[in-house]
Structures are given as structure tokens and as C-alpha cells.
Amino acid sequence: MRALIDNIEEALCGLIFMAMTLLGFANVTVRYLSNHSLASTEELLINGFLLLTVLGAAIAAKRGDHLAVTIIHDLLPRRGKIAMIVISTALGCVLLGASAWFTAELVSNQLSNGMLSYALQVPAWYYTAAVPVAFVLVMVRFIQQAGRAVRELADPPMAMPGTGVGGSHV
């Protein structure tokens, strides 16, 4: 169960991508065999790409692979690096919190207006309900990665006996 929680983004991305691939393949097959297309696949694929993008951001945040310019960070002493991580994480959380808030407002507006999707005519909030949750997930993973980075800076590697060279520890 712990492994699923730790890797939920990867699992969801895999499922969504597999469904999108099968849907796209079905659309191409139907179009090739009958000269008609499944018009509804476009809205499903677009919304799948949206979820893949936000979940991909959560994966990058968890791994510490998000886009960063580190020239100033690299020049700072250890305490400065920790401060920089805390400040950037706080600013990132403000941005992600605002994104979650505004997408939750979008879902609320879609619910209250009874908005339907253009092709399948299903409630539009079906597609957008997961987006605010995904933004919160990105925020959680961003905070987790910042915590790991701060712990690594606060607890420097110990020297390996007899070498005078620092070793890594896990």
C-alpha cells in the first residue's frame, strides 16, 4: 500500500496514457475502416493531456527534477541554500495553492451552471474535478522534496574512515 501511495502519480499517468493510446488507436481504426471518426475522442484526449501534464509536474516535483536555475543557490553557503529552498518552496506553494483554488472555483462554476462538454454532453466538471486535487498533490510532493533537500544540507555526509573524503548516506 505504501508503494502505491509513493508512486500514485506514475500509476495514474500509466493508466491515463494507456487509455489515451487505446482511444486514439480506436479512433484511427474506425476512421480508416469507415471514413468516419469518433468525435468524442478529441475531448477525452485533450482532458487526458491536461491530467498527464499536472501529474507529470507532481512526478518532477517528487524527484526534484523541476526546472530550476541554480546559479545563485550554488554560490551560497549551506545556511543560505537552506533559506533559498525554504523561500522557493513557500513561493511555489503559494502558486500551487492559487492554482488549486482557482481550478476548484472552475469546478464549482461548472457544477452550478450545469455546463456540459461539447462532444459527449456529459457534465464538464467530470473532466476538471481531478485538476485541483492534482495541484495539491504537486504541492505535497514539492514540500516533500524540499524537506529532503533541507535534511541533506543540514546533515552533511560523514567522512569515510581513513580517506578524509566525504561519503554519501541514505
C-alpha atoms as a PDB file:
ATOM      1  CA  MET A   1       0.000   0.000   0.000  1.00  0.00           C
ATOM      2  CA  ARG A   2       2.881   2.340   0.847  1.00  0.00           C
ATOM      3  CA  ALA A   3       4.415   1.761  -2.595  1.00  0.00           C
ATOM      4  CA  LEU A   4       1.129   2.738  -4.262  1.00  0.00           C
ATOM      5  CA  ILE A   5       0.907   5.963  -2.266  1.00  0.00           C
ATOM      6  CA  ASP A   6       4.540   6.798  -3.002  1.00  0.00           C
ATOM      7  CA  ASN A   7       4.032   6.173  -6.715  1.00  0.00           C
ATOM      8  CA  ILE A   8       0.409   7.193  -7.282  1.00  0.00           C
ATOM      9  CA  GLU A   9       1.364   9.757  -9.926  1.00  0.00           C
ATOM     10  CA  GLU A  10       3.234   7.200 -12.000  1.00  0.00           C
ATOM     11  CA  ALA A  11       0.369   4.704 -11.716  1.00  0.00           C
ATOM     12  CA  LEU A  12      -2.228   7.286 -12.739  1.00  0.00           C
ATOM     13  CA  CYS A  13      -0.080   8.553 -15.611  1.00  0.00           C
ATOM     14  CA  GLY A  14       0.359   4.981 -16.835  1.00  0.00           C
ATOM     15  CA  LEU A  15      -3.373   4.293 -16.731  1.00  0.00           C
ATOM     16  CA  ILE A  16      -4.307   7.586 -18.375  1.00  0.00           C
ATOM     17  CA  PHE A  17      -1.662   7.205 -21.070  1.00  0.00           C
ATOM     18  CA  MET A  18      -2.738   3.628 -21.806  1.00  0.00           C
ATOM     19  CA  ALA A  19      -6.388   4.704 -22.077  1.00  0.00           C
ATOM     20  CA  MET A  20      -5.439   7.606 -24.336  1.00  0.00           C
ATOM     21  CA  THR A  21      -3.365   5.334 -26.570  1.00  0.00           C
ATOM     22  CA  LEU A  22      -6.203   2.822 -26.902  1.00  0.00           C
ATOM     23  CA  LEU A  23      -8.710   5.606 -27.563  1.00  0.00           C
ATOM     24  CA  GLY A  24      -6.507   7.188 -30.228  1.00  0.00           C
ATOM     25  CA  PHE A  25      -5.900   3.798 -31.822  1.00  0.00           C
ATOM     26  CA  ALA A  26      -9.644   3.083 -31.864  1.00  0.00           C
ATOM     27  CA  ASN A  27     -10.316   6.454 -33.486  1.00  0.00           C
ATOM     28  CA  VAL A  28      -7.710   5.867 -36.217  1.00  0.00           C
ATOM     29  CA  THR A  29      -9.003   2.344 -36.819  1.00  0.00           C
ATOM     30  CA  VAL A  30     -12.632   3.484 -37.104  1.00  0.00           C
ATOM     31  CA  ARG A  31     -11.633   6.373 -39.372  1.00  0.00           C
ATOM     32  CA  TYR A  32      -9.586   4.064 -41.614  1.00  0.00           C
ATOM     33  CA  LEU A  33     -12.251   1.372 -41.860  1.00  0.00           C
ATOM     34  CA  SER A  34     -15.351   3.552 -42.166  1.00  0.00           C
ATOM     35  CA  ASN A  35     -14.285   7.079 -43.195  1.00  0.00           C
ATOM     36  CA  HIS A  36     -15.940   8.363 -40.011  1.00  0.00           C
ATOM     37  CA  SER A  37     -14.280   9.461 -36.815  1.00  0.00           C
ATOM     38  CA  LEU A  38     -15.182   9.253 -33.165  1.00  0.00           C
ATOM     39  CA  ALA A  39     -15.627  12.989 -32.487  1.00  0.00           C
ATOM     40  CA  SER A  40     -15.794  12.488 -28.742  1.00  0.00           C
ATOM     41  CA  THR A  41     -12.242  11.153 -28.590  1.00  0.00           C
ATOM     42  CA  GLU A  42     -10.847  14.660 -29.049  1.00  0.00           C
ATOM     43  CA  GLU A  43     -12.352  15.990 -25.829  1.00  0.00           C
ATOM     44  CA  LEU A  44     -11.278  12.883 -23.915  1.00  0.00           C
ATOM     45  CA  LEU A  45      -7.720  13.095 -25.234  1.00  0.00           C
ATOM     46  CA  ILE A  46      -7.402  16.834 -24.514  1.00  0.00           C
ATOM     47  CA  ASN A  47      -8.536  16.353 -20.939  1.00  0.00           C
ATOM     48  CA  GLY A  48      -6.242  13.353 -20.596  1.00  0.00           C
ATOM     49  CA  PHE A  49      -3.306  15.515 -21.689  1.00  0.00           C
ATOM     50  CA  LEU A  50      -4.268  18.094 -19.070  1.00  0.00           C
ATOM     51  CA  LEU A  51      -4.186  15.486 -16.309  1.00  0.00           C
ATOM     52  CA  LEU A  52      -0.944  13.986 -17.621  1.00  0.00           C
ATOM     53  CA  THR A  53       0.667  17.426 -17.520  1.00  0.00           C
ATOM     54  CA  VAL A  54      -0.279  18.163 -13.915  1.00  0.00           C
ATOM     55  CA  LEU A  55       0.562  14.645 -12.736  1.00  0.00           C
ATOM     56  CA  GLY A  56       3.865  14.877 -14.609  1.00  0.00           C
ATOM     57  CA  ALA A  57       4.594  18.053 -12.648  1.00  0.00           C
ATOM     58  CA  ALA A  58       3.958  16.084  -9.445  1.00  0.00           C
ATOM     59  CA  ILE A  59       6.417  13.413 -10.572  1.00  0.00           C
ATOM     60  CA  ALA A  60       9.046  16.050 -11.378  1.00  0.00           C
ATOM     61  CA  ALA A  61       8.479  17.760  -8.014  1.00  0.00           C
ATOM     62  CA  LYS A  62       8.815  14.454  -6.170  1.00  0.00           C
ATOM     63  CA  ARG A  63      12.094  13.662  -7.922  1.00  0.00           C
ATOM     64  CA  GLY A  64      13.456  17.192  -7.655  1.00  0.00           C
ATOM     65  CA  ASP A  65      13.567  17.408 -11.442  1.00  0.00           C
ATOM     66  CA  HIS A  66      11.500  20.560 -11.830  1.00  0.00           C
ATOM     67  CA  LEU A  67      13.002  23.395 -13.839  1.00  0.00           C
ATOM     68  CA  ALA A  68      15.443  25.387 -11.739  1.00  0.00           C
ATOM     69  CA  VAL A  69      18.125  27.998 -12.233  1.00  0.00           C
ATOM     70  CA  THR A  70      20.645  27.207  -9.517  1.00  0.00           C
ATOM     71  CA  ILE A  71      23.497  29.627 -10.152  1.00  0.00           C
ATOM     72  CA  ILE A  72      22.734  31.749  -7.069  1.00  0.00           C
ATOM     73  CA  HIS A  73      21.851  28.707  -4.956  1.00  0.00           C
ATOM     74  CA  ASP A  74      25.161  27.050  -5.842  1.00  0.00           C
ATOM     75  CA  LEU A  75      27.153  30.116  -4.748  1.00  0.00           C
ATOM     76  CA  LEU A  76      25.517  30.343  -1.315  1.00  0.00           C
ATOM     77  CA  PRO A  77      26.812  28.802   1.912  1.00  0.00           C
ATOM     78  CA  ARG A  78      24.830  25.940   3.470  1.00  0.00           C
ATOM     79  CA  ARG A  79      22.510  28.184   5.532  1.00  0.00           C
ATOM     80  CA  GLY A  80      21.853  30.383   2.508  1.00  0.00           C
ATOM     81  CA  LYS A  81      20.959  27.317   0.451  1.00  0.00           C
ATOM     82  CA  ILE A  82      18.524  26.180   3.121  1.00  0.00           C
ATOM     83  CA  ALA A  83      16.946  29.645   3.223  1.00  0.00           C
ATOM     84  CA  MET A  84      16.690  29.659  -0.575  1.00  0.00           C
ATOM     85  CA  ILE A  85      14.970  26.253  -0.548  1.00  0.00           C
ATOM     86  CA  VAL A  86      12.501  27.383   2.124  1.00  0.00           C
ATOM     87  CA  ILE A  87      11.696  30.629   0.275  1.00  0.00           C
ATOM     88  CA  SER A  88      11.319  28.969  -3.133  1.00  0.00           C
ATOM     89  CA  THR A  89       9.153  26.233  -1.628  1.00  0.00           C
ATOM     90  CA  ALA A  90       6.932  28.804   0.084  1.00  0.00           C
ATOM     91  CA  LEU A  91       6.547  30.764  -3.168  1.00  0.00           C
ATOM     92  CA  GLY A  92       5.882  27.565  -5.101  1.00  0.00           C
ATOM     93  CA  CYS A  93       3.214  26.590  -2.563  1.00  0.00           C
ATOM     94  CA  VAL A  94       1.553  29.982  -2.981  1.00  0.00           C
ATOM     95  CA  LEU A  95       1.432  29.463  -6.753  1.00  0.00           C
ATOM     96  CA  LEU A  96       0.228  25.869  -6.480  1.00  0.00           C
ATOM     97  CA  GLY A  97      -2.318  26.791  -3.812  1.00  0.00           C
ATOM     98  CA  ALA A  98      -3.680  29.541  -6.053  1.00  0.00           C
ATOM     99  CA  SER A  99      -3.826  27.094  -8.967  1.00  0.00           C
ATOM    100  CA  ALA A 100      -5.727  24.580  -6.829  1.00  0.00           C
ATOM    101  CA  TRP A 101      -8.066  27.300  -5.559  1.00  0.00           C
ATOM    102  CA  PHE A 102      -8.892  28.689  -9.000  1.00  0.00           C
ATOM    103  CA  THR A 103      -9.383  25.281 -10.580  1.00  0.00           C
ATOM    104  CA  ALA A 104     -11.662  24.348  -7.658  1.00  0.00           C
ATOM    105  CA  GLU A 105     -13.601  27.533  -8.420  1.00  0.00           C
ATOM    106  CA  LEU A 106     -13.809  26.397 -12.054  1.00  0.00           C
ATOM    107  CA  VAL A 107     -15.248  23.059 -10.947  1.00  0.00           C
ATOM    108  CA  SER A 108     -17.718  24.881  -8.696  1.00  0.00           C
ATOM    109  CA  ASN A 109     -18.817  27.148 -11.548  1.00  0.00           C
ATOM    110  CA  GLN A 110     -19.222  24.193 -13.881  1.00  0.00           C
ATOM    111  CA  LEU A 111     -21.340  22.422 -11.263  1.00  0.00           C
ATOM    112  CA  SER A 112     -23.553  25.413 -10.559  1.00  0.00           C
ATOM    113  CA  ASN A 113     -24.046  26.298 -14.243  1.00  0.00           C
ATOM    114  CA  GLY A 114     -24.700  22.740 -15.347  1.00  0.00           C
ATOM    115  CA  MET A 115     -22.135  23.128 -18.136  1.00  0.00           C
ATOM    116  CA  LEU A 116     -21.892  20.152 -20.482  1.00  0.00           C
ATOM    117  CA  SER A 117     -18.960  19.020 -22.586  1.00  0.00           C
ATOM    118  CA  TYR A 118     -19.209  19.823 -26.285  1.00  0.00           C
ATOM    119  CA  ALA A 119     -18.990  16.311 -27.746  1.00  0.00           C
ATOM    120  CA  LEU A 120     -20.268  13.814 -25.190  1.00  0.00           C
ATOM    121  CA  GLN A 121     -22.660  16.213 -23.456  1.00  0.00           C
ATOM    122  CA  VAL A 122     -21.598  14.997 -20.004  1.00  0.00           C
ATOM    123  CA  PRO A 123     -21.161  17.428 -17.104  1.00  0.00           C
ATOM    124  CA  ALA A 124     -17.940  19.372 -17.757  1.00  0.00           C
ATOM    125  CA  TRP A 125     -16.848  19.078 -14.131  1.00  0.00           C
ATOM    126  CA  TYR A 126     -16.209  15.358 -14.720  1.00  0.00           C
ATOM    127  CA  TYR A 127     -13.074  16.380 -16.604  1.00  0.00           C
ATOM    128  CA  THR A 128     -11.874  19.139 -14.299  1.00  0.00           C
ATOM    129  CA  ALA A 129     -12.621  17.686 -10.856  1.00  0.00           C
ATOM    130  CA  ALA A 130      -9.242  15.948 -10.620  1.00  0.00           C
ATOM    131  CA  VAL A 131      -7.202  19.030 -11.541  1.00  0.00           C
ATOM    132  CA  PRO A 132      -7.363  20.861  -8.169  1.00  0.00           C
ATOM    133  CA  VAL A 133      -6.545  17.590  -6.409  1.00  0.00           C
ATOM    134  CA  ALA A 134      -3.576  17.124  -8.752  1.00  0.00           C
ATOM    135  CA  PHE A 135      -2.318  20.647  -7.955  1.00  0.00           C
ATOM    136  CA  VAL A 136      -2.486  19.818  -4.239  1.00  0.00           C
ATOM    137  CA  LEU A 137      -0.550  16.618  -4.968  1.00  0.00           C
ATOM    138  CA  VAL A 138       2.136  18.658  -6.763  1.00  0.00           C
ATOM    139  CA  MET A 139       2.333  20.915  -3.689  1.00  0.00           C
ATOM    140  CA  VAL A 140       2.699  17.945  -1.340  1.00  0.00           C
ATOM    141  CA  ARG A 141       5.457  16.407  -3.475  1.00  0.00           C
ATOM    142  CA  PHE A 142       7.181  19.799  -3.744  1.00  0.00           C
ATOM    143  CA  ILE A 143       7.206  20.131   0.054  1.00  0.00           C
ATOM    144  CA  GLN A 144       8.439  16.549   0.474  1.00  0.00           C
ATOM    145  CA  GLN A 145      11.342  17.144  -1.923  1.00  0.00           C
ATOM    146  CA  ALA A 146      12.229  20.426  -0.182  1.00  0.00           C
ATOM    147  CA  GLY A 147      12.251  18.626   3.161  1.00  0.00           C
ATOM    148  CA  ARG A 148      14.658  16.013   1.779  1.00  0.00           C
ATOM    149  CA  ALA A 149      16.921  18.712   0.328  1.00  0.00           C
ATOM    150  CA  VAL A 150      16.976  20.665   3.618  1.00  0.00           C
ATOM    151  CA  ARG A 151      17.741  17.493   5.603  1.00  0.00           C
ATOM    152  CA  GLU A 152      20.630  16.677   3.264  1.00  0.00           C
ATOM    153  CA  LEU A 153      22.071  20.176   3.680  1.00  0.00           C
ATOM    154  CA  ALA A 154      21.528  20.232   7.437  1.00  0.00           C
ATOM    155  CA  ASP A 155      23.099  16.794   7.942  1.00  0.00           C
ATOM    156  CA  PRO A 156      26.335  16.814   5.888  1.00  0.00           C
ATOM    157  CA  PRO A 157      27.802  13.493   4.718  1.00  0.00           C
ATOM    158  CA  MET A 158      30.193  11.846   7.131  1.00  0.00           C
ATOM    159  CA  ALA A 159      33.817  11.294   6.139  1.00  0.00           C
ATOM    160  CA  MET A 160      34.697   7.756   5.184  1.00  0.00           C
ATOM    161  CA  PRO A 161      37.226   6.319   7.635  1.00  0.00           C
ATOM    162  CA  GLY A 162      40.838   6.595   6.549  1.00  0.00           C
ATOM    163  CA  THR A 163      40.174   8.587   3.372  1.00  0.00           C
ATOM    164  CA  GLY A 164      39.263  12.061   4.505  1.00  0.00           C
ATOM    165  CA  VAL A 165      36.711  12.009   1.706  1.00  0.00           C
ATOM    166  CA  GLY A 166      33.006  12.552   2.397  1.00  0.00           C
ATOM    167  CA  GLY A 167      30.742   9.639   1.695  1.00  0.00           C
ATOM    168  CA  SER A 168      27.082   9.587   0.874  1.00  0.00           C
ATOM    169  CA  HIS A 169      24.468   8.174   3.177  1.00  0.00           C
ATOM    170  CA  VAL A 170      20.902   7.243   2.557  1.00  0.00           C
END
